[in-house]
PDB file of N, CA and C in Angstrom:
ATOM      1  N   MET A   1       0.849  -1.180   0.000  1.00  0.00           N
ATOM      2  CA  MET A   1       0.000   0.000   0.000  1.00  0.00           C
ATOM      3  C   MET A   1       0.890   1.237   0.000  1.00  0.00           C
ATOM      4  N   LYS A   2       0.474   2.237  -0.746  1.00  0.00           N
ATOM      5  CA  LYS A   2       1.196   3.498  -0.809  1.00  0.00           C
ATOM      6  C   LYS A   2       0.270   4.623  -0.361  1.00  0.00           C
ATOM      7  N   ILE A   3       0.806   5.469   0.527  1.00  0.00           N
ATOM      8  CA  ILE A   3       0.065   6.620   1.036  1.00  0.00           C
ATOM      9  C   ILE A   3       0.908   7.867   0.804  1.00  0.00           C
ATOM     10  N   VAL A   4       0.269   8.933   0.328  1.00  0.00           N
ATOM     11  CA  VAL A   4       0.945  10.211   0.132  1.00  0.00           C
ATOM     12  C   VAL A   4       0.316  11.227   1.076  1.00  0.00           C
ATOM     13  N   THR A   5       1.175  11.913   1.859  1.00  0.00           N
ATOM     14  CA  THR A   5       0.699  13.007   2.721  1.00  0.00           C
ATOM     15  C   THR A   5       1.061  14.314   2.021  1.00  0.00           C
ATOM     16  N   VAL A   6       0.096  15.239   1.980  1.00  0.00           N
ATOM     17  CA  VAL A   6       0.267  16.432   1.150  1.00  0.00           C
ATOM     18  C   VAL A   6       0.038  17.712   1.936  1.00  0.00           C
ATOM     19  N   CYS A   7       0.949  18.676   1.730  1.00  0.00           N
ATOM     20  CA  CYS A   7       0.724  20.042   2.194  1.00  0.00           C
ATOM     21  C   CYS A   7       1.135  20.973   1.064  1.00  0.00           C
ATOM     22  N   GLY A   8       0.936  22.240   1.241  1.00  0.00           N
ATOM     23  CA  GLY A   8       1.207  23.196   0.176  1.00  0.00           C
ATOM     24  C   GLY A   8       2.665  23.260  -0.243  1.00  0.00           C
ATOM     25  N   MET A   9       3.577  23.237   0.719  1.00  0.00           N
ATOM     26  CA  MET A   9       4.997  23.374   0.417  1.00  0.00           C
ATOM     27  C   MET A   9       5.757  22.052   0.469  1.00  0.00           C
ATOM     28  N   GLY A  10       5.227  21.046   1.160  1.00  0.00           N
ATOM     29  CA  GLY A  10       5.884  19.748   1.212  1.00  0.00           C
ATOM     30  C   GLY A  10       7.082  19.684   2.130  1.00  0.00           C
ATOM     31  N   ILE A  11       7.200  20.644   3.041  1.00  0.00           N
ATOM     32  CA  ILE A  11       8.381  20.688   3.889  1.00  0.00           C
ATOM     33  C   ILE A  11       8.062  20.285   5.325  1.00  0.00           C
ATOM     34  N   GLY A  12       7.121  20.947   5.951  1.00  0.00           N
ATOM     35  CA  GLY A  12       6.881  20.714   7.367  1.00  0.00           C
ATOM     36  C   GLY A  12       5.628  19.938   7.684  1.00  0.00           C
ATOM     37  N   THR A  13       4.517  20.459   7.246  1.00  0.00           N
ATOM     38  CA  THR A  13       3.239  19.872   7.631  1.00  0.00           C
ATOM     39  C   THR A  13       3.056  18.471   7.068  1.00  0.00           C
ATOM     40  N   SER A  14       3.463  18.249   5.827  1.00  0.00           N
ATOM     41  CA  SER A  14       3.296  16.913   5.248  1.00  0.00           C
ATOM     42  C   SER A  14       4.204  15.898   5.940  1.00  0.00           C
ATOM     43  N   VAL A  15       5.361  16.339   6.415  1.00  0.00           N
ATOM     44  CA  VAL A  15       6.266  15.434   7.142  1.00  0.00           C
ATOM     45  C   VAL A  15       5.661  15.082   8.498  1.00  0.00           C
ATOM     46  N   LEU A  16       5.067  16.059   9.174  1.00  0.00           N
ATOM     47  CA  LEU A  16       4.375  15.793  10.438  1.00  0.00           C
ATOM     48  C   LEU A  16       3.233  14.808  10.210  1.00  0.00           C
ATOM     49  N   LEU A  17       2.456  15.028   9.166  1.00  0.00           N
ATOM     50  CA  LEU A  17       1.354  14.121   8.853  1.00  0.00           C
ATOM     51  C   LEU A  17       1.881  12.739   8.489  1.00  0.00           C
ATOM     52  N   LYS A  18       3.000  12.666   7.797  1.00  0.00           N
ATOM     53  CA  LYS A  18       3.626  11.379   7.450  1.00  0.00           C
ATOM     54  C   LYS A  18       3.983  10.606   8.719  1.00  0.00           C
ATOM     55  N   MET A  19       4.613  11.285   9.673  1.00  0.00           N
ATOM     56  CA  MET A  19       4.999  10.624  10.921  1.00  0.00           C
ATOM     57  C   MET A  19       3.769  10.124  11.677  1.00  0.00           C
ATOM     58  N   ASN A  20       2.722  10.924  11.726  1.00  0.00           N
ATOM     59  CA  ASN A  20       1.503  10.514  12.422  1.00  0.00           C
ATOM     60  C   ASN A  20       0.768   9.397  11.670  1.00  0.00           C
ATOM     61  N   ALA A  21       0.831   9.415  10.358  1.00  0.00           N
ATOM     62  CA  ALA A  21       0.236   8.329   9.571  1.00  0.00           C
ATOM     63  C   ALA A  21       0.983   7.028   9.835  1.00  0.00           C
ATOM     64  N   GLU A  22       2.303   7.099   9.934  1.00  0.00           N
ATOM     65  CA  GLU A  22       3.100   5.900  10.223  1.00  0.00           C
ATOM     66  C   GLU A  22       2.757   5.334  11.605  1.00  0.00           C
ATOM     67  N   LYS A  23       2.564   6.216  12.590  1.00  0.00           N
ATOM     68  CA  LYS A  23       2.135   5.772  13.929  1.00  0.00           C
ATOM     69  C   LYS A  23       0.770   5.099  13.847  1.00  0.00           C
ATOM     70  N   ALA A  24      -0.141   5.718  13.118  1.00  0.00           N
ATOM     71  CA  ALA A  24      -1.496   5.185  12.967  1.00  0.00           C
ATOM     72  C   ALA A  24      -1.460   3.816  12.293  1.00  0.00           C
ATOM     73  N   LEU A  25      -0.682   3.700  11.247  1.00  0.00           N
ATOM     74  CA  LEU A  25      -0.587   2.438  10.517  1.00  0.00           C
ATOM     75  C   LEU A  25      -0.015   1.328  11.389  1.00  0.00           C
ATOM     76  N   ARG A  26       1.004   1.654  12.201  1.00  0.00           N
ATOM     77  CA  ARG A  26       1.568   0.657  13.126  1.00  0.00           C
ATOM     78  C   ARG A  26       0.500   0.172  14.098  1.00  0.00           C
ATOM     79  N   SER A  27      -0.288   1.113  14.637  1.00  0.00           N
ATOM     80  CA  SER A  27      -1.325   0.721  15.601  1.00  0.00           C
ATOM     81  C   SER A  27      -2.426  -0.110  14.941  1.00  0.00           C
ATOM     82  N   LEU A  28      -2.638   0.102  13.644  1.00  0.00           N
ATOM     83  CA  LEU A  28      -3.649  -0.654  12.904  1.00  0.00           C
ATOM     84  C   LEU A  28      -3.090  -1.964  12.338  1.00  0.00           C
ATOM     85  N   GLY A  29      -1.771  -2.138  12.433  1.00  0.00           N
ATOM     86  CA  GLY A  29      -1.140  -3.337  11.892  1.00  0.00           C
ATOM     87  C   GLY A  29      -1.118  -3.368  10.371  1.00  0.00           C
ATOM     88  N   VAL A  30      -1.051  -2.188   9.758  1.00  0.00           N
ATOM     89  CA  VAL A  30      -1.060  -2.073   8.298  1.00  0.00           C
ATOM     90  C   VAL A  30       0.342  -1.724   7.813  1.00  0.00           C
ATOM     91  N   ASP A  31       0.818  -2.469   6.825  1.00  0.00           N
ATOM     92  CA  ASP A  31       2.117  -2.208   6.229  1.00  0.00           C
ATOM     93  C   ASP A  31       1.917  -1.290   5.020  1.00  0.00           C
ATOM     94  N   ALA A  32       2.585  -0.139   5.033  1.00  0.00           N
ATOM     95  CA  ALA A  32       2.428   0.813   3.931  1.00  0.00           C
ATOM     96  C   ALA A  32       3.677   1.658   3.784  1.00  0.00           C
ATOM     97  N   ASP A  33       3.883   2.141   2.588  1.00  0.00           N
ATOM     98  CA  ASP A  33       4.947   3.087   2.286  1.00  0.00           C
ATOM     99  C   ASP A  33       4.294   4.468   2.312  1.00  0.00           C
ATOM    100  N   VAL A  34       4.801   5.367   3.176  1.00  0.00           N
ATOM    101  CA  VAL A  34       4.215   6.704   3.301  1.00  0.00           C
ATOM    102  C   VAL A  34       5.214   7.730   2.786  1.00  0.00           C
ATOM    103  N   GLU A  35       4.746   8.583   1.891  1.00  0.00           N
ATOM    104  CA  GLU A  35       5.590   9.599   1.259  1.00  0.00           C
ATOM    105  C   GLU A  35       5.006  10.980   1.521  1.00  0.00           C
ATOM    106  N   ALA A  36       5.846  11.923   1.949  1.00  0.00           N
ATOM    107  CA  ALA A  36       5.424  13.313   2.136  1.00  0.00           C
ATOM    108  C   ALA A  36       5.705  14.079   0.852  1.00  0.00           C
ATOM    109  N   ALA A  37       4.772  14.947   0.455  1.00  0.00           N
ATOM    110  CA  ALA A  37       4.942  15.678  -0.810  1.00  0.00           C
ATOM    111  C   ALA A  37       4.259  17.036  -0.765  1.00  0.00           C
ATOM    112  N   ASP A  38       4.770  17.944  -1.600  1.00  0.00           N
ATOM    113  CA  ASP A  38       4.083  19.215  -1.809  1.00  0.00           C
ATOM    114  C   ASP A  38       2.976  18.965  -2.835  1.00  0.00           C
ATOM    115  N   ILE A  39       2.111  19.932  -3.029  1.00  0.00           N
ATOM    116  CA  ILE A  39       0.942  19.745  -3.888  1.00  0.00           C
ATOM    117  C   ILE A  39       1.324  19.426  -5.330  1.00  0.00           C
ATOM    118  N   GLY A  40       2.370  20.027  -5.847  1.00  0.00           N
ATOM    119  CA  GLY A  40       2.789  19.761  -7.226  1.00  0.00           C
ATOM    120  C   GLY A  40       3.280  18.334  -7.407  1.00  0.00           C
ATOM    121  N   THR A  41       4.126  17.872  -6.517  1.00  0.00           N
ATOM    122  CA  THR A  41       4.647  16.506  -6.558  1.00  0.00           C
ATOM    123  C   THR A  41       3.530  15.507  -6.308  1.00  0.00           C
ATOM    124  N   ALA A  42       2.618  15.861  -5.421  1.00  0.00           N
ATOM    125  CA  ALA A  42       1.534  14.952  -5.033  1.00  0.00           C
ATOM    126  C   ALA A  42       0.616  14.620  -6.197  1.00  0.00           C
ATOM    127  N   ARG A  43       0.439  15.545  -7.111  1.00  0.00           N
ATOM    128  CA  ARG A  43      -0.439  15.273  -8.261  1.00  0.00           C
ATOM    129  C   ARG A  43       0.050  14.045  -9.031  1.00  0.00           C
ATOM    130  N   GLY A  44       1.358  13.912  -9.179  1.00  0.00           N
ATOM    131  CA  GLY A  44       1.914  12.743  -9.856  1.00  0.00           C
ATOM    132  C   GLY A  44       1.966  11.535  -8.946  1.00  0.00           C
ATOM    133  N   ALA A  45       2.406  11.717  -7.710  1.00  0.00           N
ATOM    134  CA  ALA A  45       2.539  10.609  -6.763  1.00  0.00           C
ATOM    135  C   ALA A  45       1.187   9.970  -6.453  1.00  0.00           C
ATOM    136  N   ALA A  46       0.136  10.753  -6.442  1.00  0.00           N
ATOM    137  CA  ALA A  46      -1.197  10.239  -6.117  1.00  0.00           C
ATOM    138  C   ALA A  46      -1.728   9.299  -7.189  1.00  0.00           C
ATOM    139  N   ARG A  47      -1.161   9.345  -8.372  1.00  0.00           N
ATOM    140  CA  ARG A  47      -1.607   8.467  -9.459  1.00  0.00           C
ATOM    141  C   ARG A  47      -1.281   7.003  -9.183  1.00  0.00           C
ATOM    142  N   THR A  48      -0.259   6.761  -8.339  1.00  0.00           N
ATOM    143  CA  THR A  48       0.118   5.378  -8.003  1.00  0.00           C
ATOM    144  C   THR A  48      -0.139   5.050  -6.536  1.00  0.00           C
ATOM    145  N   ALA A  49      -0.784   5.960  -5.819  1.00  0.00           N
ATOM    146  CA  ALA A  49      -1.048   5.762  -4.390  1.00  0.00           C
ATOM    147  C   ALA A  49      -2.423   5.135  -4.169  1.00  0.00           C
ATOM    148  N   ASN A  50      -2.575   4.526  -3.001  1.00  0.00           N
ATOM    149  CA  ASN A  50      -3.871   4.008  -2.588  1.00  0.00           C
ATOM    150  C   ASN A  50      -4.659   5.066  -1.825  1.00  0.00           C
ATOM    151  N   LEU A  51      -3.943   5.839  -0.992  1.00  0.00           N
ATOM    152  CA  LEU A  51      -4.568   6.884  -0.182  1.00  0.00           C
ATOM    153  C   LEU A  51      -3.759   8.165  -0.281  1.00  0.00           C
ATOM    154  N   VAL A  52      -4.454   9.292  -0.226  1.00  0.00           N
ATOM    155  CA  VAL A  52      -3.826  10.599  -0.116  1.00  0.00           C
ATOM    156  C   VAL A  52      -4.417  11.255   1.121  1.00  0.00           C
ATOM    157  N   LEU A  53      -3.550  11.705   2.023  1.00  0.00           N
ATOM    158  CA  LEU A  53      -3.984  12.419   3.227  1.00  0.00           C
ATOM    159  C   LEU A  53      -3.615  13.882   3.053  1.00  0.00           C
ATOM    160  N   THR A  54      -4.595  14.768   3.192  1.00  0.00           N
ATOM    161  CA  THR A  54      -4.347  16.189   2.993  1.00  0.00           C
ATOM    162  C   THR A  54      -5.391  17.024   3.721  1.00  0.00           C
ATOM    163  N   SER A  55      -5.239  18.334   3.635  1.00  0.00           N
ATOM    164  CA  SER A  55      -6.218  19.256   4.235  1.00  0.00           C
ATOM    165  C   SER A  55      -7.330  19.541   3.229  1.00  0.00           C
ATOM    166  N   ALA A  56      -8.461  20.002   3.736  1.00  0.00           N
ATOM    167  CA  ALA A  56      -9.628  20.274   2.890  1.00  0.00           C
ATOM    168  C   ALA A  56      -9.318  21.303   1.809  1.00  0.00           C
ATOM    169  N   ASP A  57      -8.494  22.307   2.121  1.00  0.00           N
ATOM    170  CA  ASP A  57      -8.218  23.361   1.149  1.00  0.00           C
ATOM    171  C   ASP A  57      -7.330  22.909  -0.013  1.00  0.00           C
ATOM    172  N   LEU A  58      -6.684  21.747   0.093  1.00  0.00           N
ATOM    173  CA  LEU A  58      -5.830  21.274  -0.994  1.00  0.00           C
ATOM    174  C   LEU A  58      -6.489  20.205  -1.868  1.00  0.00           C
ATOM    175  N   VAL A  59      -7.663  19.733  -1.465  1.00  0.00           N
ATOM    176  CA  VAL A  59      -8.334  18.671  -2.223  1.00  0.00           C
ATOM    177  C   VAL A  59      -8.606  19.120  -3.659  1.00  0.00           C
ATOM    178  N   GLU A  60      -9.143  20.303  -3.832  1.00  0.00           N
ATOM    179  CA  GLU A  60      -9.459  20.794  -5.168  1.00  0.00           C
ATOM    180  C   GLU A  60      -8.196  20.986  -6.005  1.00  0.00           C
ATOM    181  N   GLU A  61      -7.120  21.492  -5.377  1.00  0.00           N
ATOM    182  CA  GLU A  61      -5.853  21.690  -6.087  1.00  0.00           C
ATOM    183  C   GLU A  61      -5.246  20.367  -6.533  1.00  0.00           C
ATOM    184  N   LEU A  62      -5.494  19.326  -5.768  1.00  0.00           N
ATOM    185  CA  LEU A  62      -4.970  18.001  -6.100  1.00  0.00           C
ATOM    186  C   LEU A  62      -5.570  17.490  -7.406  1.00  0.00           C
ATOM    187  N   GLY A  63      -6.823  17.815  -7.635  1.00  0.00           N
ATOM    188  CA  GLY A  63      -7.494  17.399  -8.860  1.00  0.00           C
ATOM    189  C   GLY A  63      -7.983  15.966  -8.785  1.00  0.00           C
ATOM    190  N   GLU A  64      -8.351  15.441  -9.929  1.00  0.00           N
ATOM    191  CA  GLU A  64      -8.876  14.075 -10.022  1.00  0.00           C
ATOM    192  C   GLU A  64      -7.714  13.098  -9.979  1.00  0.00           C
ATOM    193  N   VAL A  65      -7.720  12.239  -8.983  1.00  0.00           N
ATOM    194  CA  VAL A  65      -6.697  11.197  -8.862  1.00  0.00           C
ATOM    195  C   VAL A  65      -7.400   9.878  -8.554  1.00  0.00           C
ATOM    196  N   PRO A  66      -6.792   8.755  -8.957  1.00  0.00           N
ATOM    197  CA  PRO A  66      -7.421   7.461  -8.692  1.00  0.00           C
ATOM    198  C   PRO A  66      -7.384   7.047  -7.220  1.00  0.00           C
ATOM    199  N   ALA A  67      -6.511   7.653  -6.445  1.00  0.00           N
ATOM    200  CA  ALA A  67      -6.388   7.313  -5.026  1.00  0.00           C
ATOM    201  C   ALA A  67      -7.579   7.842  -4.236  1.00  0.00           C
ATOM    202  N   THR A  68      -7.846   7.205  -3.106  1.00  0.00           N
ATOM    203  CA  THR A  68      -8.851   7.709  -2.175  1.00  0.00           C
ATOM    204  C   THR A  68      -8.250   8.903  -1.449  1.00  0.00           C
ATOM    205  N   VAL A  69      -8.922  10.038  -1.480  1.00  0.00           N
ATOM    206  CA  VAL A  69      -8.429  11.245  -0.823  1.00  0.00           C
ATOM    207  C   VAL A  69      -9.131  11.386   0.521  1.00  0.00           C
ATOM    208  N   VAL A  70      -8.330  11.496   1.584  1.00  0.00           N
ATOM    209  CA  VAL A  70      -8.847  11.589   2.943  1.00  0.00           C
ATOM    210  C   VAL A  70      -8.475  12.959   3.500  1.00  0.00           C
ATOM    211  N   VAL A  71      -9.482  13.706   3.955  1.00  0.00           N
ATOM    212  CA  VAL A  71      -9.248  15.030   4.534  1.00  0.00           C
ATOM    213  C   VAL A  71      -8.945  14.884   6.015  1.00  0.00           C
ATOM    214  N   ILE A  72      -7.804  15.434   6.413  1.00  0.00           N
ATOM    215  CA  ILE A  72      -7.397  15.451   7.816  1.00  0.00           C
ATOM    216  C   ILE A  72      -7.524  16.889   8.307  1.00  0.00           C
ATOM    217  N   ASN A  73      -8.292  17.087   9.356  1.00  0.00           N
ATOM    218  CA  ASN A  73      -8.493  18.435   9.898  1.00  0.00           C
ATOM    219  C   ASN A  73      -7.378  18.863  10.837  1.00  0.00           C
ATOM    220  N   ASN A  74      -6.877  17.925  11.643  1.00  0.00           N
ATOM    221  CA  ASN A  74      -5.834  18.233  12.607  1.00  0.00           C
ATOM    222  C   ASN A  74      -4.648  17.305  12.367  1.00  0.00           C
ATOM    223  N   PHE A  75      -3.637  17.800  11.669  1.00  0.00           N
ATOM    224  CA  PHE A  75      -2.476  16.982  11.303  1.00  0.00           C
ATOM    225  C   PHE A  75      -1.706  16.480  12.522  1.00  0.00           C
ATOM    226  N   THR A  76      -1.886  17.110  13.688  1.00  0.00           N
ATOM    227  CA  THR A  76      -1.162  16.687  14.883  1.00  0.00           C
ATOM    228  C   THR A  76      -1.902  15.615  15.683  1.00  0.00           C
ATOM    229  N   SER A  77      -3.119  15.282  15.292  1.00  0.00           N
ATOM    230  CA  SER A  77      -3.928  14.316  16.027  1.00  0.00           C
ATOM    231  C   SER A  77      -3.762  12.905  15.460  1.00  0.00           C
ATOM    232  N   VAL A  78      -2.992  12.086  16.168  1.00  0.00           N
ATOM    233  CA  VAL A  78      -2.805  10.696  15.746  1.00  0.00           C
ATOM    234  C   VAL A  78      -4.146   9.961  15.793  1.00  0.00           C
ATOM    235  N   ASP A  79      -4.993  10.311  16.757  1.00  0.00           N
ATOM    236  CA  ASP A  79      -6.311   9.676  16.856  1.00  0.00           C
ATOM    237  C   ASP A  79      -7.145   9.929  15.601  1.00  0.00           C
ATOM    238  N   GLU A  80      -7.196  11.180  15.155  1.00  0.00           N
ATOM    239  CA  GLU A  80      -7.970  11.494  13.947  1.00  0.00           C
ATOM    240  C   GLU A  80      -7.391  10.774  12.731  1.00  0.00           C
ATOM    241  N   VAL A  81      -6.073  10.809  12.599  1.00  0.00           N
ATOM    242  CA  VAL A  81      -5.430  10.158  11.460  1.00  0.00           C
ATOM    243  C   VAL A  81      -5.723   8.658  11.487  1.00  0.00           C
ATOM    244  N   THR A  82      -5.646   8.047  12.655  1.00  0.00           N
ATOM    245  CA  THR A  82      -5.924   6.603  12.795  1.00  0.00           C
ATOM    246  C   THR A  82      -7.355   6.292  12.406  1.00  0.00           C
ATOM    247  N   GLN A  83      -8.298   7.072  12.928  1.00  0.00           N
ATOM    248  CA  GLN A  83      -9.715   6.849  12.634  1.00  0.00           C
ATOM    249  C   GLN A  83     -10.002   6.985  11.140  1.00  0.00           C
ATOM    250  N   LYS A  84      -9.440   8.009  10.509  1.00  0.00           N
ATOM    251  CA  LYS A  84      -9.749   8.258   9.106  1.00  0.00           C
ATOM    252  C   LYS A  84      -9.070   7.244   8.184  1.00  0.00           C
ATOM    253  N   ILE A  85      -7.859   6.815   8.523  1.00  0.00           N
ATOM    254  CA  ILE A  85      -7.205   5.778   7.720  1.00  0.00           C
ATOM    255  C   ILE A  85      -7.995   4.469   7.869  1.00  0.00           C
ATOM    256  N   SER A  86      -8.372   4.146   9.094  1.00  0.00           N
ATOM    257  CA  SER A  86      -9.142   2.912   9.346  1.00  0.00           C
ATOM    258  C   SER A  86     -10.441   2.908   8.545  1.00  0.00           C
ATOM    259  N   ALA A  87     -11.151   4.039   8.555  1.00  0.00           N
ATOM    260  CA  ALA A  87     -12.406   4.144   7.816  1.00  0.00           C
ATOM    261  C   ALA A  87     -12.171   4.011   6.310  1.00  0.00           C
ATOM    262  N   ALA A  88     -11.098   4.598   5.820  1.00  0.00           N
ATOM    263  CA  ALA A  88     -10.800   4.547   4.381  1.00  0.00           C
ATOM    264  C   ALA A  88     -10.434   3.148   3.926  1.00  0.00           C
ATOM    265  N   LEU A  89      -9.902   2.345   4.831  1.00  0.00           N
ATOM    266  CA  LEU A  89      -9.480   0.989   4.481  1.00  0.00           C
ATOM    267  C   LEU A  89     -10.617  -0.027   4.559  1.00  0.00           C
ATOM    268  N   GLU A  90     -11.743   0.371   5.143  1.00  0.00           N
ATOM    269  CA  GLU A  90     -12.876  -0.567   5.281  1.00  0.00           C
ATOM    270  C   GLU A  90     -13.576  -0.793   3.968  1.00  0.00           C
TER     271      GLU A  90
END
């Protein structure tokens, strides 16, 4: 499984979300490759991903991608990330 975490610049927020997604995946017992990306890189990376985790304001910029796009409201909340990844995998 491939997951892409996306923020506008791809430097800080997406890396924080990547780390929290990795924690969530470990707690769920899911093996996945998680990649942090800026919005421009994410448009290409999302074409081969299973899930994209991003904020609501970047969903439209991401455009149409085959991956499931999951909106995360609080990138620092491992609980929210865990719940939303779990729901997306059901």
